[in-house]
Amino acid sequence: MEDKITIKEAYTAMYAYLKMLYDMTGSDDLGGFLGSMSLLEDGTPADPGVWDDWMRAVQQARHGQVDLTLGRPDE
């Protein structure tokens, strides 16, 4: 399996994952978010802010600024 994927492939993977969760739960919140993430014919998200937020998250991940641990925040 290839270790590296493009930013667009990662976005697509995130969309697919959230869609699976939506299909399992029927969550209106997830449905609304998926709608804003959906791509228009020109390849941009329906809500342009989604791509900016996504790129900010990508940069945080690239710089090791995402805490993936399960636990209580420091007090």
N, C-alpha and C. Protein backbone atom coordinates (compact mmCIF):
# COMPACT_ATOMS: atom_id res chain seq x y z
N MET A 1 0.84 -1.20 0.00
CA MET A 1 0.00 0.00 0.00
C MET A 1 0.88 1.24 0.00
N GLU A 2 0.52 2.20 -0.82
CA GLU A 2 1.24 3.46 -0.90
C GLU A 2 1.02 4.27 0.37
N ASP A 3 2.10 4.79 0.96
CA ASP A 3 2.00 5.56 2.19
C ASP A 3 1.56 6.99 1.97
N LYS A 4 1.89 7.56 0.83
CA LYS A 4 1.59 8.97 0.60
C LYS A 4 0.41 9.12 -0.34
N ILE A 5 -0.45 10.09 0.02
CA ILE A 5 -1.57 10.44 -0.84
C ILE A 5 -1.58 11.95 -0.99
N THR A 6 -2.25 12.43 -2.01
CA THR A 6 -2.32 13.87 -2.22
C THR A 6 -3.30 14.50 -1.23
N ILE A 7 -3.23 15.80 -1.13
CA ILE A 7 -4.17 16.52 -0.26
C ILE A 7 -5.60 16.29 -0.74
N LYS A 8 -5.80 16.29 -2.05
CA LYS A 8 -7.15 16.06 -2.59
C LYS A 8 -7.63 14.63 -2.29
N GLU A 9 -6.73 13.65 -2.39
CA GLU A 9 -7.10 12.26 -2.05
C GLU A 9 -7.44 12.14 -0.57
N ALA A 10 -6.70 12.85 0.28
CA ALA A 10 -6.98 12.83 1.72
C ALA A 10 -8.34 13.47 2.00
N TYR A 11 -8.65 14.56 1.30
CA TYR A 11 -9.95 15.21 1.44
C TYR A 11 -11.06 14.24 1.03
N THR A 12 -10.84 13.54 -0.07
CA THR A 12 -11.81 12.56 -0.55
C THR A 12 -11.99 11.43 0.45
N ALA A 13 -10.89 10.99 1.06
CA ALA A 13 -10.96 9.93 2.07
C ALA A 13 -11.75 10.41 3.29
N MET A 14 -11.51 11.65 3.70
CA MET A 14 -12.25 12.20 4.84
C MET A 14 -13.74 12.27 4.51
N TYR A 15 -14.05 12.70 3.28
CA TYR A 15 -15.45 12.78 2.85
C TYR A 15 -16.08 11.38 2.89
N ALA A 16 -15.38 10.40 2.36
CA ALA A 16 -15.90 9.03 2.33
C ALA A 16 -16.15 8.50 3.75
N TYR A 17 -15.23 8.79 4.65
CA TYR A 17 -15.38 8.34 6.03
C TYR A 17 -16.59 9.00 6.69
N LEU A 18 -16.71 10.30 6.53
CA LEU A 18 -17.86 11.00 7.11
C LEU A 18 -19.17 10.54 6.49
N LYS A 19 -19.14 10.22 5.19
CA LYS A 19 -20.34 9.70 4.52
C LYS A 19 -20.74 8.35 5.10
N MET A 20 -19.75 7.51 5.40
CA MET A 20 -20.05 6.22 6.04
C MET A 20 -20.71 6.44 7.40
N LEU A 21 -20.18 7.39 8.17
CA LEU A 21 -20.78 7.70 9.47
C LEU A 21 -22.20 8.23 9.30
N TYR A 22 -22.39 9.08 8.30
CA TYR A 22 -23.73 9.60 8.03
C TYR A 22 -24.68 8.47 7.67
N ASP A 23 -24.24 7.56 6.82
CA ASP A 23 -25.09 6.43 6.42
C ASP A 23 -25.46 5.56 7.61
N MET A 24 -24.56 5.45 8.59
CA MET A 24 -24.83 4.64 9.78
C MET A 24 -25.75 5.35 10.77
N THR A 25 -25.62 6.69 10.85
CA THR A 25 -26.32 7.43 11.91
C THR A 25 -27.48 8.28 11.43
N GLY A 26 -27.42 8.73 10.18
CA GLY A 26 -28.44 9.65 9.68
C GLY A 26 -28.38 11.02 10.34
N SER A 27 -27.23 11.35 10.91
CA SER A 27 -27.05 12.62 11.62
C SER A 27 -27.28 13.82 10.70
N ASP A 28 -28.20 14.69 11.10
CA ASP A 28 -28.45 15.91 10.32
C ASP A 28 -27.21 16.80 10.28
N ASP A 29 -26.47 16.84 11.39
CA ASP A 29 -25.25 17.66 11.42
C ASP A 29 -24.23 17.16 10.39
N LEU A 30 -24.02 15.84 10.37
CA LEU A 30 -23.10 15.28 9.38
C LEU A 30 -23.60 15.51 7.96
N GLY A 31 -24.89 15.35 7.75
CA GLY A 31 -25.47 15.57 6.43
C GLY A 31 -25.24 16.98 5.94
N GLY A 32 -25.45 17.95 6.83
CA GLY A 32 -25.23 19.34 6.47
C GLY A 32 -23.77 19.62 6.17
N PHE A 33 -22.89 19.05 6.98
CA PHE A 33 -21.46 19.26 6.76
C PHE A 33 -21.02 18.62 5.44
N LEU A 34 -21.52 17.43 5.16
CA LEU A 34 -21.19 16.78 3.89
C LEU A 34 -21.65 17.63 2.71
N GLY A 35 -22.79 18.26 2.84
CA GLY A 35 -23.27 19.15 1.79
C GLY A 35 -22.30 20.30 1.55
N SER A 36 -21.76 20.87 2.62
CA SER A 36 -20.82 21.97 2.46
C SER A 36 -19.47 21.50 1.93
N MET A 37 -19.13 20.23 2.18
CA MET A 37 -17.88 19.66 1.67
C MET A 37 -17.99 19.21 0.21
N SER A 38 -19.20 18.95 -0.26
CA SER A 38 -19.39 18.44 -1.62
C SER A 38 -18.76 19.38 -2.62
N LEU A 39 -18.20 18.80 -3.68
CA LEU A 39 -17.51 19.59 -4.68
C LEU A 39 -18.45 20.04 -5.79
N LEU A 40 -18.27 21.27 -6.21
CA LEU A 40 -19.01 21.82 -7.35
C LEU A 40 -18.34 21.34 -8.64
N GLU A 41 -18.92 21.64 -9.75
CA GLU A 41 -18.38 21.19 -11.04
C GLU A 41 -16.95 21.67 -11.27
N ASP A 42 -16.59 22.82 -10.69
CA ASP A 42 -15.24 23.34 -10.89
C ASP A 42 -14.23 22.73 -9.92
N GLY A 43 -14.70 21.79 -9.06
CA GLY A 43 -13.80 21.09 -8.14
C GLY A 43 -13.62 21.76 -6.80
N THR A 44 -14.31 22.87 -6.57
CA THR A 44 -14.21 23.55 -5.28
C THR A 44 -15.38 23.13 -4.39
N PRO A 45 -15.17 23.14 -3.06
CA PRO A 45 -16.26 22.79 -2.15
C PRO A 45 -17.41 23.79 -2.25
N ALA A 46 -18.62 23.31 -1.97
CA ALA A 46 -19.81 24.16 -1.98
C ALA A 46 -19.63 25.34 -1.02
N ASP A 47 -18.96 25.11 0.10
CA ASP A 47 -18.63 26.18 1.04
C ASP A 47 -17.12 26.41 0.95
N PRO A 48 -16.69 27.52 0.37
CA PRO A 48 -15.26 27.76 0.16
C PRO A 48 -14.45 27.74 1.46
N GLY A 49 -15.07 28.08 2.57
CA GLY A 49 -14.37 28.06 3.84
C GLY A 49 -13.93 26.67 4.27
N VAL A 50 -14.63 25.66 3.77
CA VAL A 50 -14.28 24.28 4.12
C VAL A 50 -12.87 23.96 3.65
N TRP A 51 -12.52 24.38 2.43
CA TRP A 51 -11.18 24.09 1.92
C TRP A 51 -10.12 24.82 2.74
N ASP A 52 -10.38 26.06 3.13
CA ASP A 52 -9.42 26.79 3.97
C ASP A 52 -9.23 26.07 5.30
N ASP A 53 -10.32 25.64 5.91
CA ASP A 53 -10.24 24.90 7.17
C ASP A 53 -9.47 23.59 6.98
N TRP A 54 -9.74 22.90 5.86
CA TRP A 54 -9.05 21.64 5.56
C TRP A 54 -7.54 21.88 5.43
N MET A 55 -7.16 22.90 4.72
CA MET A 55 -5.73 23.18 4.53
C MET A 55 -5.06 23.55 5.86
N ARG A 56 -5.78 24.24 6.73
CA ARG A 56 -5.24 24.55 8.06
C ARG A 56 -5.02 23.25 8.84
N ALA A 57 -5.97 22.31 8.73
CA ALA A 57 -5.83 21.02 9.41
C ALA A 57 -4.66 20.23 8.83
N VAL A 58 -4.48 20.28 7.52
CA VAL A 58 -3.35 19.59 6.88
C VAL A 58 -2.03 20.14 7.41
N GLN A 59 -1.93 21.45 7.50
CA GLN A 59 -0.69 22.06 8.01
C GLN A 59 -0.44 21.67 9.46
N GLN A 60 -1.49 21.63 10.27
CA GLN A 60 -1.33 21.20 11.67
C GLN A 60 -0.82 19.76 11.73
N ALA A 61 -1.37 18.90 10.89
CA ALA A 61 -0.93 17.50 10.87
C ALA A 61 0.52 17.40 10.41
N ARG A 62 0.88 18.15 9.39
CA ARG A 62 2.25 18.11 8.87
C ARG A 62 3.27 18.58 9.89
N HIS A 63 2.85 19.48 10.77
CA HIS A 63 3.76 20.02 11.77
C HIS A 63 3.62 19.35 13.14
N GLY A 64 2.93 18.23 13.18
CA GLY A 64 2.79 17.49 14.44
C GLY A 64 2.01 18.23 15.50
N GLN A 65 1.04 19.04 15.08
CA GLN A 65 0.29 19.86 16.02
C GLN A 65 -1.10 19.30 16.32
N VAL A 66 -1.31 18.01 16.05
CA VAL A 66 -2.61 17.39 16.31
C VAL A 66 -2.43 16.35 17.41
N ASP A 67 -3.20 16.48 18.47
CA ASP A 67 -3.16 15.53 19.58
C ASP A 67 -4.18 14.43 19.32
N LEU A 68 -3.70 13.23 19.06
CA LEU A 68 -4.59 12.10 18.76
C LEU A 68 -4.87 11.22 19.97
N THR A 69 -4.40 11.64 21.13
CA THR A 69 -4.60 10.81 22.32
C THR A 69 -6.00 10.99 22.88
N LEU A 70 -6.48 9.93 23.50
CA LEU A 70 -7.77 9.97 24.15
C LEU A 70 -7.54 10.23 25.63
N GLY A 71 -8.07 11.30 26.10
CA GLY A 71 -7.86 11.61 27.50
C GLY A 71 -8.38 12.97 27.82
N ARG A 72 -8.25 13.31 29.07
CA ARG A 72 -8.72 14.61 29.52
C ARG A 72 -7.69 15.67 29.22
N PRO A 73 -8.15 16.86 28.86
CA PRO A 73 -7.19 17.95 28.63
C PRO A 73 -6.48 18.30 29.93
N ASP A 74 -5.28 18.81 29.81
CA ASP A 74 -4.54 19.25 31.01
C ASP A 74 -5.32 20.33 31.73
N GLU A 75 -5.30 20.24 33.02
CA GLU A 75 -6.03 21.24 33.82
C GLU A 75 -5.08 22.29 34.34
